[in-house]
C-alpha atoms as a PDB file:
ATOM      1  CA  MET A   1      67.428  62.379 116.282  1.00  0.00           C
ATOM      2  CA  ASN A   2      68.659  63.168 112.771  1.00  0.00           C
ATOM      3  CA  ILE A   3      67.413  66.773 113.060  1.00  0.00           C
ATOM      4  CA  LYS A   4      69.308  67.305 116.349  1.00  0.00           C
ATOM      5  CA  LEU A   5      72.517  66.035 114.722  1.00  0.00           C
ATOM      6  CA  LYS A   6      72.103  68.445 111.794  1.00  0.00           C
ATOM      7  CA  HIS A   7      71.430  71.339 114.176  1.00  0.00           C
ATOM      8  CA  SER A   8      74.515  70.558 116.279  1.00  0.00           C
ATOM      9  CA  LYS A   9      76.689  70.334 113.151  1.00  0.00           C
ATOM     10  CA  MET A  10      75.344  73.670 111.923  1.00  0.00           C
ATOM     11  CA  LEU A  11      75.897  75.255 115.342  1.00  0.00           C
ATOM     12  CA  GLY A  12      79.451  73.888 115.495  1.00  0.00           C
ATOM     13  CA  THR A  13      80.203  75.186 112.001  1.00  0.00           C
ATOM     14  CA  LEU A  14      78.757  78.588 112.892  1.00  0.00           C
ATOM     15  CA  LEU A  15      80.879  78.786 116.056  1.00  0.00           C
ATOM     16  CA  ILE A  16      84.030  77.910 114.104  1.00  0.00           C
ATOM     17  CA  ILE A  17      83.249  80.599 111.513  1.00  0.00           C
ATOM     18  CA  LEU A  18      82.605  83.221 114.206  1.00  0.00           C
ATOM     19  CA  PHE A  19      85.785  82.300 116.083  1.00  0.00           C
ATOM     20  CA  THR A  20      87.861  82.500 112.877  1.00  0.00           C
ATOM     21  CA  ALA A  21      86.321  85.868 111.965  1.00  0.00           C
ATOM     22  CA  ALA A  22      87.147  87.234 115.436  1.00  0.00           C
ATOM     23  CA  LEU A  23      90.776  86.088 115.109  1.00  0.00           C
ATOM     24  CA  VAL A  24      91.147  87.646 111.658  1.00  0.00           C
ATOM     25  CA  GLN A  25      89.666  90.935 112.848  1.00  0.00           C
ATOM     26  CA  ASN A  26      91.999  91.003 115.867  1.00  0.00           C
ATOM     27  CA  GLU A  27      95.017  90.379 113.600  1.00  0.00           C
ATOM     28  CA  GLY A  28      94.023  93.397 111.474  1.00  0.00           C
ATOM     29  CA  HIS A  29      93.999  95.654 114.535  1.00  0.00           C
ATOM     30  CA  ARG A  30      97.410  94.365 115.582  1.00  0.00           C
ATOM     31  CA  GLN A  31      98.866  95.165 112.154  1.00  0.00           C
ATOM     32  CA  ASN A  32      97.393  98.673 112.280  1.00  0.00           C
ATOM     33  CA  ASP A  33      98.979  99.234 115.706  1.00  0.00           C
ATOM     34  CA  ILE A  34     102.373  98.074 114.427  1.00  0.00           C
ATOM     35  CA  LEU A  35     102.054 100.332 111.374  1.00  0.00           C
ATOM     36  CA  LEU A  36     101.240 103.342 113.565  1.00  0.00           C
ATOM     37  CA  MET A  37     104.215 102.605 115.839  1.00  0.00           C
ATOM     38  CA  ASP A  38     106.491 102.458 112.779  1.00  0.00           C
ATOM     39  CA  ILE A  39     105.189 105.788 111.498  1.00  0.00           C
ATOM     40  CA  GLU A  40     105.670 107.387 114.921  1.00  0.00           C
ATOM     41  CA  ALA A  41     109.208 106.001 115.141  1.00  0.00           C
ATOM     42  CA  LEU A  42     110.087 107.438 111.745  1.00  0.00           C
ATOM     43  CA  ALA A  43     108.598 110.816 112.622  1.00  0.00           C
ATOM     44  CA  ALA A  44     110.277 110.989 116.033  1.00  0.00           C
ATOM     45  CA  GLY A  45     113.539 112.259 114.564  1.00  0.00           C
ATOM     46  CA  GLU A  46     111.854 115.077 112.672  1.00  0.00           C
ATOM     47  CA  GLY A  47     112.190 117.744 115.335  1.00  0.00           C
ATOM     48  CA  ASN A  48     113.586 121.231 115.065  1.00  0.00           C
ATOM     49  CA  ILE A  49     116.657 120.481 112.968  1.00  0.00           C
ATOM     50  CA  ALA A  50     118.632 123.390 111.578  1.00  0.00           C
ATOM     51  CA  ILE A  51     118.568 122.524 107.881  1.00  0.00           C
ATOM     52  CA  ARG A  52     120.604 124.650 105.482  1.00  0.00           C
ATOM     53  CA  CYS A  53     119.953 124.799 101.768  1.00  0.00           C
ATOM     54  CA  ILE A  54     122.906 125.824  99.607  1.00  0.00           C
ATOM     55  CA  GLY A  55     123.145 127.000  96.001  1.00  0.00           C
ATOM     56  CA  ILE A  56     120.824 126.525  93.044  1.00  0.00           C
ATOM     57  CA  GLY A  57     120.160 123.025  91.759  1.00  0.00           C
ATOM     58  CA  SER A  58     117.658 120.211  91.431  1.00  0.00           C
ATOM     59  CA  LEU A  59     116.845 119.363  95.062  1.00  0.00           C
ATOM     60  CA  ASP A  60     113.723 120.687  96.797  1.00  0.00           C
ATOM     61  CA  CYS A  61     114.643 122.548  99.975  1.00  0.00           C
ATOM     62  CA  PRO A  62     112.223 121.504 102.767  1.00  0.00           C
ATOM     63  CA  VAL A  63     112.556 124.915 104.425  1.00  0.00           C
ATOM     64  CA  SER A  64     112.056 127.356 101.543  1.00  0.00           C
ATOM     65  CA  ASN A  65     110.591 125.044  98.845  1.00  0.00           C
ATOM     66  CA  GLN A  66     113.198 126.331  96.382  1.00  0.00           C
ATOM     67  CA  ARG A  67     115.411 124.233  94.095  1.00  0.00           C
ATOM     68  CA  VAL A  68     118.870 123.999  95.688  1.00  0.00           C
ATOM     69  CA  TYR A  69     122.209 122.260  95.074  1.00  0.00           C
ATOM     70  CA  ARG A  70     122.773 120.811  98.556  1.00  0.00           C
ATOM     71  CA  ILE A  71     120.753 120.255 101.754  1.00  0.00           C
ATOM     72  CA  THR A  72     122.771 119.976 104.963  1.00  0.00           C
ATOM     73  CA  GLU A  73     121.939 119.106 108.561  1.00  0.00           C
ATOM     74  CA  PRO A  74     124.101 119.405 111.670  1.00  0.00           C
ATOM     75  CA  LEU A  75     125.912 116.220 112.684  1.00  0.00           C
ATOM     76  CA  SER A  76     124.178 114.041 115.253  1.00  0.00           C
ATOM     77  CA  GLN A  77     125.723 114.039 118.722  1.00  0.00           C
ATOM     78  CA  TYR A  78     124.653 110.498 119.632  1.00  0.00           C
END
């Protein structure tokens, strides 16, 4: 009888550990999905924007990779 009690306690402990591990793993996937949605949302506005780089200065122009004074974009029409 004592052996059966030990085995059921061990089985219960093992099931709790497995259940907790499954929940933790699922939470990690959910965070990765949220992170990917955030990255996609940030990148969504990076379409074909007519960027103009003006002058000579300390900013890196994303179009020509030259050092420029000012980087301008057209105004949003939203």
